[in-house]
């Protein structure tokens, strides 16, 4: 929406001959497009799943499975 609005305002400024306004709006449009690209890249990075596997169970130091199982 913001991008569409800026494009429409640039067209109006060009039609009316507001050259300074055109340059400012083009700079704003470039900034908006850059910000949208950053957001898209962030979403893409976050949607990549990473398999971490299941953690192992460690035995307390000095014990074995047999010594822990008996009271």
Protein backbone atom coordinates (compact mmCIF):
# COMPACT_ATOMS: atom_id res chain seq x y z
CA UNK A 1 0.00 0.00 0.00
CA UNK A 2 2.71 2.48 0.91
CA UNK A 3 4.60 1.55 -2.23
CA UNK A 4 1.48 2.02 -4.39
CA UNK A 5 0.79 5.38 -2.75
CA UNK A 6 4.34 6.59 -3.41
CA UNK A 7 4.13 5.52 -7.06
CA UNK A 8 0.85 7.41 -7.46
CA UNK A 9 2.33 10.51 -5.79
CA UNK A 10 5.39 10.35 -8.06
CA UNK A 11 3.13 10.22 -11.12
CA UNK A 12 1.15 13.21 -9.84
CA UNK A 13 4.31 15.19 -9.08
CA UNK A 14 5.67 14.46 -12.57
CA UNK A 15 2.36 15.52 -14.14
CA UNK A 16 2.37 18.76 -12.17
CA UNK A 17 6.05 19.47 -12.82
CA UNK A 18 7.09 19.34 -9.14
CA UNK A 19 10.64 18.20 -9.83
CA UNK A 20 11.91 18.55 -6.27
CA UNK A 21 8.96 16.59 -4.99
CA UNK A 22 9.59 13.85 -7.57
CA UNK A 23 13.16 13.37 -6.34
CA UNK A 24 12.09 13.21 -2.69
CA UNK A 25 9.33 10.73 -3.43
CA UNK A 26 11.70 8.55 -5.46
CA UNK A 27 14.09 8.49 -2.51
CA UNK A 28 11.22 7.50 -0.22
CA UNK A 29 10.17 4.77 -2.65
CA UNK A 30 13.71 3.39 -2.79
CA UNK A 31 13.82 3.32 1.02
CA UNK A 32 10.44 1.59 1.23
CA UNK A 33 11.46 -1.04 -1.32
CA UNK A 34 14.71 -1.65 0.56
CA UNK A 35 12.80 -2.09 3.83
CA UNK A 36 10.36 -4.51 2.18
CA UNK A 37 13.27 -6.53 0.79
CA UNK A 38 14.82 -6.71 4.27
CA UNK A 39 11.54 -7.95 5.71
CA UNK A 40 11.18 -10.58 2.98
CA UNK A 41 14.74 -11.79 3.62
CA UNK A 42 14.05 -12.02 7.36
CA UNK A 43 10.89 -14.07 6.80
CA UNK A 44 12.76 -16.36 4.43
CA UNK A 45 15.57 -16.94 6.97
CA UNK A 46 13.09 -17.63 9.77
CA UNK A 47 11.11 -20.14 7.74
CA UNK A 48 14.10 -22.45 7.25
CA UNK A 49 13.86 -25.30 9.77
CA UNK A 50 17.02 -26.55 11.42
CA UNK A 51 17.14 -30.14 12.65
CA UNK A 52 18.85 -30.18 16.03
CA UNK A 53 18.27 -33.86 16.82
CA UNK A 54 17.36 -35.36 20.16
CA UNK A 55 19.62 -34.62 23.10
CA UNK A 56 21.30 -37.57 24.79
CA UNK A 57 20.86 -38.45 28.46
CA UNK A 58 24.04 -38.27 30.50
CA UNK A 59 24.75 -40.43 33.53
CA UNK A 60 25.84 -38.66 36.72
CA UNK A 61 29.58 -38.97 37.33
CA UNK A 62 30.59 -42.18 39.09
CA UNK A 63 27.37 -44.07 38.37
CA UNK A 64 26.39 -46.68 35.83
CA UNK A 65 23.01 -47.82 34.67
CA UNK A 66 23.23 -50.88 36.96
CA UNK A 67 24.06 -48.89 40.13
CA UNK A 68 21.29 -46.40 39.53
CA UNK A 69 18.64 -49.08 38.97
CA UNK A 70 19.13 -50.74 42.38
CA UNK A 71 17.94 -49.01 45.57
